[in-house]
Protein backbone atom coordinates (compact mmCIF):
# COMPACT_ATOMS: atom_id res chain seq x y z
CA MET A 1 98.30 77.60 -228.67
CA ASN A 2 96.37 80.88 -229.05
CA SER A 3 93.52 80.63 -231.57
CA ASP A 4 89.99 81.60 -232.32
CA TRP A 5 87.32 78.93 -232.80
CA ASN A 6 83.75 79.23 -234.07
CA TYR A 7 82.44 75.92 -232.75
CA PRO A 8 80.13 75.39 -230.85
CA THR A 9 80.15 79.18 -230.37
CA THR A 10 82.78 81.93 -230.72
CA MET A 11 85.77 80.80 -228.56
CA TRP A 12 88.93 82.82 -227.84
CA VAL A 13 91.54 80.33 -226.68
CA GLY A 14 95.03 80.80 -225.21
CA LYS A 15 97.28 82.32 -222.57
CA ASP A 16 96.20 85.77 -221.38
CA ARG A 17 93.10 85.91 -223.57
CA VAL A 18 91.20 87.14 -220.47
CA LYS A 19 92.69 90.61 -221.32
CA ASP A 20 90.44 90.60 -224.35
CA LEU A 21 87.32 90.65 -222.16
CA SER A 22 86.56 94.35 -222.89
CA ILE A 23 86.76 93.63 -226.61
CA ALA A 24 84.30 90.80 -226.09
CA CYS A 25 81.88 93.16 -224.38
CA LYS A 26 82.28 95.77 -227.06
CA THR A 27 81.66 93.13 -229.76
CA LEU A 28 78.40 92.19 -228.18
CA ASN A 29 77.43 95.88 -227.49
CA ILE A 30 77.67 95.27 -223.67
CA ASN A 31 78.34 98.54 -221.86
CA LYS A 32 77.40 97.61 -218.33
CA PRO A 33 77.88 93.90 -217.73
CA LEU A 34 77.15 92.04 -214.51
CA LEU A 35 80.09 89.83 -213.64
CA VAL A 36 78.80 86.80 -211.84
CA THR A 37 81.18 84.62 -209.79
CA ASP A 38 81.45 82.95 -206.38
CA SER A 39 82.32 84.75 -203.25
CA GLY A 40 85.75 83.27 -202.87
CA LEU A 41 86.80 84.06 -206.35
CA ALA A 42 85.42 87.63 -206.08
CA LYS A 43 88.17 88.44 -203.57
CA SER A 44 90.99 86.96 -205.69
CA LYS A 45 93.60 88.86 -207.63
CA ILE A 46 92.17 87.30 -210.80
CA VAL A 47 88.80 88.95 -210.42
CA ILE A 48 90.17 92.22 -209.00
CA ASN A 49 92.39 92.52 -212.05
CA VAL A 50 89.69 91.70 -214.46
CA LEU A 51 87.33 94.32 -212.97
CA ASN A 52 90.03 96.95 -212.99
CA ASN A 53 90.93 96.09 -216.73
CA LEU A 54 87.27 96.42 -217.72
CA LYS A 55 86.92 99.76 -216.05
CA GLU A 56 90.07 101.03 -217.62
CA ASN A 57 88.68 100.16 -220.95
CA GLY A 58 85.35 102.04 -220.43
CA ILE A 59 83.20 99.09 -219.34
CA LEU A 60 81.05 99.97 -216.37
CA VAL A 61 81.05 96.54 -214.75
CA GLU A 62 78.94 95.51 -211.78
CA LEU A 63 79.65 92.46 -209.47
CA TYR A 64 77.45 89.74 -208.09
CA SER A 65 79.04 87.10 -206.08
CA ASN A 66 76.50 85.46 -203.78
CA VAL A 67 76.96 82.03 -205.54
CA VAL A 68 77.31 78.77 -203.53
CA GLY A 69 79.02 75.49 -204.63
CA ASN A 70 75.74 73.80 -205.51
CA PRO A 71 73.94 76.94 -206.85
CA THR A 72 70.34 77.61 -205.80
CA GLY A 73 67.29 79.31 -207.15
CA THR A 74 67.83 82.01 -204.62
CA ASN A 75 71.27 82.78 -206.04
CA VAL A 76 69.67 83.23 -209.56
CA ASN A 77 66.69 85.32 -208.40
CA GLU A 78 68.95 87.62 -206.23
CA GLY A 79 71.29 88.03 -209.22
CA ALA A 80 68.47 88.73 -211.71
CA ASP A 81 67.07 91.42 -209.28
CA TYR A 82 70.55 92.94 -208.92
CA TYR A 83 70.98 92.94 -212.70
CA LYS A 84 67.75 94.83 -213.34
CA LYS A 85 68.22 97.25 -210.43
CA ASN A 86 71.64 98.22 -211.82
CA ASN A 87 70.40 98.49 -215.45
CA CYS A 88 72.96 95.96 -216.72
CA ASP A 89 72.94 94.96 -220.36
CA GLY A 90 74.82 91.56 -220.41
CA VAL A 91 76.47 88.94 -218.20
CA ILE A 92 80.07 87.82 -217.79
CA ALA A 93 79.77 84.35 -216.18
CA PHE A 94 83.15 83.84 -214.50
CA GLY A 95 84.39 80.89 -212.52
CA GLY A 96 83.75 77.23 -212.03
CA GLY A 97 80.59 75.44 -212.85
CA SER A 98 78.57 77.30 -210.19
CA GLY A 99 79.53 80.75 -211.34
CA LEU A 100 78.96 79.87 -215.06
CA ASP A 101 75.62 78.16 -214.37
CA VAL A 102 74.25 81.06 -212.18
CA GLY A 103 75.59 83.70 -214.58
CA LYS A 104 73.85 82.08 -217.58
CA ALA A 105 70.62 81.64 -215.48
CA ILE A 106 70.76 85.31 -214.49
CA ALA A 107 71.08 86.47 -218.12
CA PHE A 108 68.09 84.16 -218.91
CA MET A 109 65.79 85.21 -215.99
CA SER A 110 66.55 88.95 -216.21
CA GLY A 111 63.90 89.07 -218.92
CA GLN A 112 61.40 86.53 -217.82
CA THR A 113 58.25 86.93 -215.67
CA GLN A 114 57.69 83.23 -214.87
CA SER A 115 59.40 81.19 -212.20
CA ILE A 116 62.73 79.72 -213.19
CA TRP A 117 61.27 76.19 -212.46
CA ASP A 118 58.82 76.67 -215.27
CA PHE A 119 61.65 76.24 -217.69
CA GLU A 120 62.96 72.93 -216.41
CA ASP A 121 64.32 70.82 -219.26
CA VAL A 122 61.15 68.79 -219.74
CA GLY A 123 59.30 68.65 -223.09
CA ASP A 124 59.14 72.02 -224.75
CA ASN A 125 59.14 74.12 -221.56
CA TRP A 126 61.88 76.27 -223.09
CA THR A 127 59.46 77.68 -225.64
CA LYS A 128 57.56 79.44 -222.89
CA ALA A 129 60.51 81.88 -222.54
CA ASN A 130 60.69 85.37 -224.04
CA SER A 131 63.74 84.76 -226.23
CA ASP A 132 64.07 88.53 -227.09
CA LYS A 133 64.68 89.37 -223.38
CA ILE A 134 67.66 86.98 -222.72
CA ALA A 135 70.79 89.08 -222.10
CA PRO A 136 73.98 88.38 -224.05
CA ILE A 137 76.41 86.05 -222.23
CA ILE A 138 80.27 85.95 -222.14
CA ALA A 139 81.66 82.90 -220.32
CA VAL A 140 85.10 82.70 -218.72
CA PRO A 141 85.76 79.34 -217.02
CA THR A 142 88.41 79.09 -214.21
CA THR A 143 88.14 75.39 -213.76
CA ALA A 144 88.45 72.56 -216.33
CA GLY A 145 85.43 70.36 -215.53
CA THR A 146 81.81 71.27 -216.13
CA GLY A 147 82.20 72.65 -219.54
CA SER A 148 79.19 74.88 -218.82
CA GLU A 149 80.73 77.47 -221.09
CA THR A 150 79.66 75.44 -224.10
CA GLY A 151 76.34 74.23 -222.71
CA ARG A 152 72.81 75.31 -223.39
CA ALA A 153 71.63 74.67 -219.78
CA SER A 154 72.26 75.36 -216.12
CA VAL A 155 71.93 72.95 -213.13
CA ILE A 156 70.25 74.82 -210.29
CA LEU A 157 69.09 73.50 -206.92
CA ASN A 158 65.52 73.98 -205.98
CA GLU A 159 65.77 74.58 -202.10
CA GLU A 160 62.05 73.68 -201.63
CA THR A 161 62.17 70.29 -203.22
CA GLY A 162 65.96 69.46 -202.58
CA VAL A 163 66.18 68.54 -206.31
CA LYS A 164 68.77 69.74 -208.80
CA ASN A 165 66.92 70.89 -211.91
CA ILE A 166 68.28 71.40 -215.36
CA ILE A 167 67.05 74.66 -216.85
CA PHE A 168 67.38 74.71 -220.66
CA HIS A 169 67.16 77.19 -223.45
CA PRO A 170 69.18 77.42 -226.72
CA LYS A 171 70.31 80.98 -225.78
CA PHE A 172 72.01 79.76 -222.62
CA LEU A 173 74.92 79.06 -224.89
CA PRO A 174 77.25 81.96 -224.40
CA SER A 175 77.98 84.18 -227.36
CA ILE A 176 81.62 84.43 -226.68
CA VAL A 177 83.84 82.05 -224.56
CA ILE A 178 87.30 82.84 -223.29
CA LEU A 179 89.46 79.81 -222.54
CA ASP A 180 92.54 81.14 -220.72
CA PRO A 181 94.67 78.53 -219.08
CA VAL A 182 96.37 81.14 -216.86
CA LEU A 183 93.09 81.45 -214.93
CA THR A 184 93.30 77.79 -213.83
CA VAL A 185 96.97 77.78 -212.74
CA GLY A 186 96.19 78.51 -209.09
CA LEU A 187 93.62 75.72 -208.72
CA PRO A 188 94.46 73.31 -205.89
CA ALA A 189 95.40 69.77 -206.90
CA LYS A 190 92.23 68.17 -205.43
CA ILE A 191 89.98 70.62 -207.27
CA THR A 192 91.89 70.06 -210.46
CA ALA A 193 91.48 66.35 -210.11
CA ALA A 194 87.79 66.46 -209.31
CA THR A 195 86.92 68.78 -212.09
CA GLY A 196 89.08 66.73 -214.50
CA MET A 197 87.09 63.59 -213.66
CA ASP A 198 83.92 65.58 -214.20
CA ALA A 199 85.15 66.35 -217.75
CA LEU A 200 86.01 62.65 -218.16
CA ALA A 201 82.52 61.59 -217.03
CA HIS A 202 80.91 63.99 -219.51
CA ASN A 203 82.95 62.75 -222.49
CA LEU A 204 82.59 59.07 -221.49
CA GLU A 205 78.81 59.18 -220.95
CA ALA A 206 78.29 61.16 -224.12
CA TYR A 207 80.20 58.50 -226.11
CA CYS A 208 78.35 55.63 -224.44
CA ALA A 209 74.90 57.20 -224.71
CA PRO A 210 72.65 55.49 -227.38
CA GLY A 211 71.71 57.12 -230.64
CA TYR A 212 73.34 58.32 -233.83
CA HIS A 213 75.58 61.39 -233.39
CA PRO A 214 79.02 60.77 -234.99
CA MET A 215 80.17 64.40 -234.38
CA ALA A 216 79.53 64.03 -230.65
CA ASP A 217 81.27 60.62 -230.56
CA GLY A 218 84.33 62.10 -232.23
CA ILE A 219 84.50 64.99 -229.89
CA ALA A 220 84.10 62.84 -226.85
CA LEU A 221 86.92 60.38 -227.95
CA GLU A 222 89.35 63.21 -228.54
CA GLY A 223 88.21 64.86 -225.19
CA MET A 224 89.08 61.53 -223.35
CA ARG A 225 92.44 61.35 -225.12
CA LEU A 226 93.40 64.85 -223.88
CA ILE A 227 92.36 63.90 -220.40
CA ASN A 228 94.43 60.68 -220.54
CA ASP A 229 97.40 62.62 -221.66
CA TRP A 230 97.17 65.80 -219.52
CA LEU A 231 95.05 65.42 -216.28
CA LEU A 232 97.82 63.90 -214.20
CA GLU A 233 100.24 66.52 -215.39
CA ALA A 234 97.81 69.31 -214.58
CA VAL A 235 97.35 67.89 -211.09
CA ASN A 236 101.05 67.28 -210.39
CA ASN A 237 102.48 70.32 -212.10
CA GLY A 238 99.81 73.00 -211.96
CA SER A 239 101.90 75.61 -213.56
CA ASN A 240 102.14 73.74 -216.81
CA ILE A 241 100.25 75.97 -219.16
CA GLU A 242 100.02 73.35 -221.95
CA ALA A 243 98.43 70.86 -219.54
CA ARG A 244 95.98 73.48 -218.22
CA GLN A 245 94.99 74.49 -221.77
CA ASN A 246 94.47 70.94 -222.88
CA MET A 247 92.23 70.30 -219.84
CA LEU A 248 90.18 73.43 -220.42
CA THR A 249 89.64 72.28 -223.99
CA ALA A 250 88.68 68.72 -222.88
CA ALA A 251 86.07 70.14 -220.56
CA SER A 252 84.54 72.28 -223.25
CA MET A 253 84.50 69.21 -225.54
CA GLY A 254 82.68 67.18 -222.90
CA SER A 255 79.86 69.72 -222.67
CA THR A 256 79.68 70.00 -226.48
CA ALA A 257 79.48 66.23 -226.79
CA PHE A 258 76.84 65.55 -224.14
CA GLN A 259 74.08 67.19 -226.13
CA LYS A 260 73.94 63.48 -227.28
CA GLY A 261 73.12 62.41 -223.64
CA LEU A 262 74.56 61.52 -220.31
CA GLY A 263 73.64 58.62 -218.04
CA ALA A 264 73.59 57.04 -214.62
CA ILE A 265 76.92 58.53 -213.38
CA HIS A 266 75.13 61.89 -213.45
CA SER A 267 71.76 60.49 -212.37
CA LEU A 268 73.40 59.09 -209.17
CA SER A 269 75.54 62.16 -208.62
CA HIS A 270 72.95 64.92 -208.85
CA PRO A 271 70.91 63.79 -205.72
CA VAL A 272 74.02 63.43 -203.52
CA ASN A 273 75.18 66.81 -204.61
CA ALA A 274 71.88 68.31 -203.68
CA LEU A 275 71.13 66.45 -200.41
CA ASN A 276 74.72 65.70 -199.16
CA ASN A 277 76.60 68.65 -200.70
CA ILE A 278 79.24 66.47 -202.29
CA HIS A 279 81.41 68.03 -205.04
CA HIS A 280 79.93 67.09 -208.43
CA GLY A 281 83.23 66.07 -209.98
CA LEU A 282 84.08 63.95 -206.96
CA SER A 283 80.75 62.06 -206.98
CA ASN A 284 81.13 61.44 -210.74
CA ALA A 285 84.56 59.98 -210.10
CA ILE A 286 83.22 57.74 -207.36
CA PHE A 287 80.23 56.42 -209.33
CA MET A 288 82.11 55.93 -212.63
CA PRO A 289 83.30 52.27 -212.25
CA TYR A 290 80.04 51.16 -210.66
CA VAL A 291 78.04 52.48 -213.56
CA LEU A 292 80.49 51.18 -216.16
CA THR A 293 80.34 47.58 -214.79
CA PHE A 294 76.53 47.78 -214.40
CA ASN A 295 76.16 48.80 -218.05
CA LYS A 296 78.98 46.32 -219.33
CA ASP A 297 76.81 44.10 -221.49
CA VAL A 298 75.53 46.93 -223.69
CA ILE A 299 78.68 49.20 -223.88
CA GLU A 300 81.54 46.67 -223.97
CA LYS A 301 82.25 47.24 -227.76
CA LYS A 302 82.28 51.00 -227.28
CA ILE A 303 84.57 50.76 -224.39
CA ILE A 304 87.06 48.68 -226.37
CA LYS A 305 86.94 51.40 -229.10
CA ILE A 306 87.91 53.91 -226.42
CA CYS A 307 90.81 51.73 -225.31
CA ASP A 308 92.03 51.52 -228.88
CA TYR A 309 91.88 55.30 -229.39
CA LEU A 310 93.68 55.93 -226.05
CA GLU A 311 96.25 53.25 -226.91
CA LEU A 312 95.80 51.55 -223.56
CA LYS A 313 97.98 48.50 -222.88
CA ASP A 314 94.98 46.37 -221.99
CA ARG A 315 92.36 47.04 -224.70
CA SER A 316 89.52 45.23 -223.00
CA PHE A 317 86.50 46.34 -220.95
CA ASP A 318 88.26 45.20 -217.78
CA GLY A 319 91.37 47.02 -218.94
CA PHE A 320 89.39 50.33 -219.26
CA VAL A 321 87.82 49.89 -215.82
CA ASN A 322 91.27 49.24 -214.34
CA TRP A 323 92.51 52.42 -216.10
CA VAL A 324 89.72 54.43 -214.43
CA LEU A 325 90.49 52.79 -211.00
CA ASP A 326 94.26 53.51 -211.44
CA LEU A 327 93.66 57.09 -212.47
CA ARG A 328 91.49 57.71 -209.40
CA LYS A 329 94.09 56.12 -207.19
CA LYS A 330 96.85 58.29 -208.64
CA LEU A 331 94.55 61.26 -208.06
CA ASP A 332 94.06 60.22 -204.45
CA MET A 333 90.28 59.93 -204.88
CA PRO A 334 87.99 57.66 -202.84
CA HIS A 335 86.76 54.41 -204.10
CA LYS A 336 83.62 54.30 -202.06
CA LEU A 337 80.78 56.72 -201.46
CA SER A 338 80.84 55.72 -197.81
CA GLU A 339 84.23 57.49 -197.55
CA VAL A 340 82.56 60.85 -198.10
CA ILE A 341 78.98 60.20 -196.81
CA ASP A 342 78.07 58.78 -193.37
CA GLU A 343 75.69 55.87 -193.47
CA LYS A 344 73.25 57.82 -191.20
CA ASP A 345 73.05 60.63 -193.73
CA PHE A 346 72.49 58.32 -196.68
CA ASP A 347 68.72 58.14 -197.47
CA ILE A 348 68.99 55.52 -200.20
CA ASP A 349 65.23 55.41 -200.93
CA ARG A 350 64.96 59.09 -201.45
CA LEU A 351 68.17 59.19 -203.39
CA SER A 352 67.08 56.34 -205.75
CA LYS A 353 63.75 58.04 -206.51
CA MET A 354 65.52 61.33 -207.37
CA ALA A 355 68.12 59.51 -209.47
CA LEU A 356 65.53 57.71 -211.50
CA ALA A 357 63.70 61.04 -212.15
CA ASP A 358 66.97 62.91 -213.12
CA PRO A 359 66.96 63.99 -216.75
CA SER A 360 70.30 62.28 -217.30
CA THR A 361 68.68 58.89 -216.76
CA GLY A 362 67.18 58.78 -220.24
CA GLY A 363 70.68 58.77 -221.84
CA ASN A 364 71.90 55.73 -219.93
CA PRO A 365 72.67 52.86 -222.35
CA LYS A 366 70.47 50.56 -220.28
CA LYS A 367 66.88 51.29 -219.28
CA LEU A 368 66.82 51.84 -215.50
CA THR A 369 64.52 51.19 -212.71
CA GLU A 370 64.40 52.55 -209.17
CA ASP A 371 65.73 49.22 -208.01
CA ASP A 372 68.69 49.52 -210.37
CA MET A 373 69.54 52.93 -208.84
CA LYS A 374 69.33 51.53 -205.34
CA ILE A 375 71.70 48.52 -206.30
CA MET A 376 74.22 50.99 -207.87
CA TYR A 377 74.07 53.12 -204.73
CA GLN A 378 74.53 50.07 -202.56
CA HIS A 379 77.61 48.89 -204.54
CA SER A 380 79.15 52.41 -204.43
CA MET A 381 78.74 52.35 -200.64
CA THR A 382 80.37 48.95 -200.17
CA GLY A 383 82.98 49.36 -202.99
CA GLU A 384 81.98 46.09 -204.77
CA LEU A 385 81.96 46.36 -208.51
CA PHE A 386 79.46 44.55 -210.69
CA LYS A 387 80.77 41.20 -212.06
């Protein structure tokens, strides 16, 4: 399954391709990269081996690993300062979504003088950036979920406001991506499941988003087929390299497709990720059937097309929702938000305001109000799907 792709960027795909990381650095004229990852991964054999391999091949790599699960502006600013202090000339973003998002943001902020929040994905804010000062990026995902390796943005938590902001620039898209399934083999089953549902949410919402983008639709459909075929196998048999490779591919496809748009699954997720520190893939999995049934009257025809493509037994809207519910059950995932958030910690008014303001809201198939967000949150707490 090893191959080289050139869409949406240069991608080196296959078993043990991480050993080509030094070649990627030399291709991009990076002599002293900053490898950005989370603190747990930094201590792993995977990262230790990568650092040793780079040094053996003449690459003077530095390491920054102060990255948390829902990454913050502080992580990015610290990393950018470390990058400049050590005279680095490129970034290797390594890990799950947090490591990738922070790595990309460090490469971006290493050459900017304004605050990172000045580049939030609103209007043409990205044009304020000094494009010539953005460092080259190599991305190496170790989870199959966010697809941040093929994205042109990072999701970063502003600790002062408690809001997750999307920071965008076209040059956030890494110049080289390495998709090596071996790096995901050690992922625990629960993380494999949650990240897999994140990838499903990306492909699903991209396909259902309004607007004309047949390329994104085609990628999203095939991404969902790969997930249907391989997610359970990746969870139940984590050493299956073919399953791991296909899930990595599906995750990258989801991020490629969602340039078309996302929707309320993500709008509802981002606030609970920020305020309640819930894993993003887990929250997406919980919200998925509530948002689907809320949007039913405007997405039913599209959902039936997904059923046809996935060759589901029941090729109806309800059949697809039942497929989602059954998949979550097989993955041992909660049905209700109240299973992971205590009622006393659930500020529905604040969450609803944040959800409405989230950039993903604009891509939802239905126009949404704050009351709509509140109703969907309420249903997700009680477990009652919309009729």
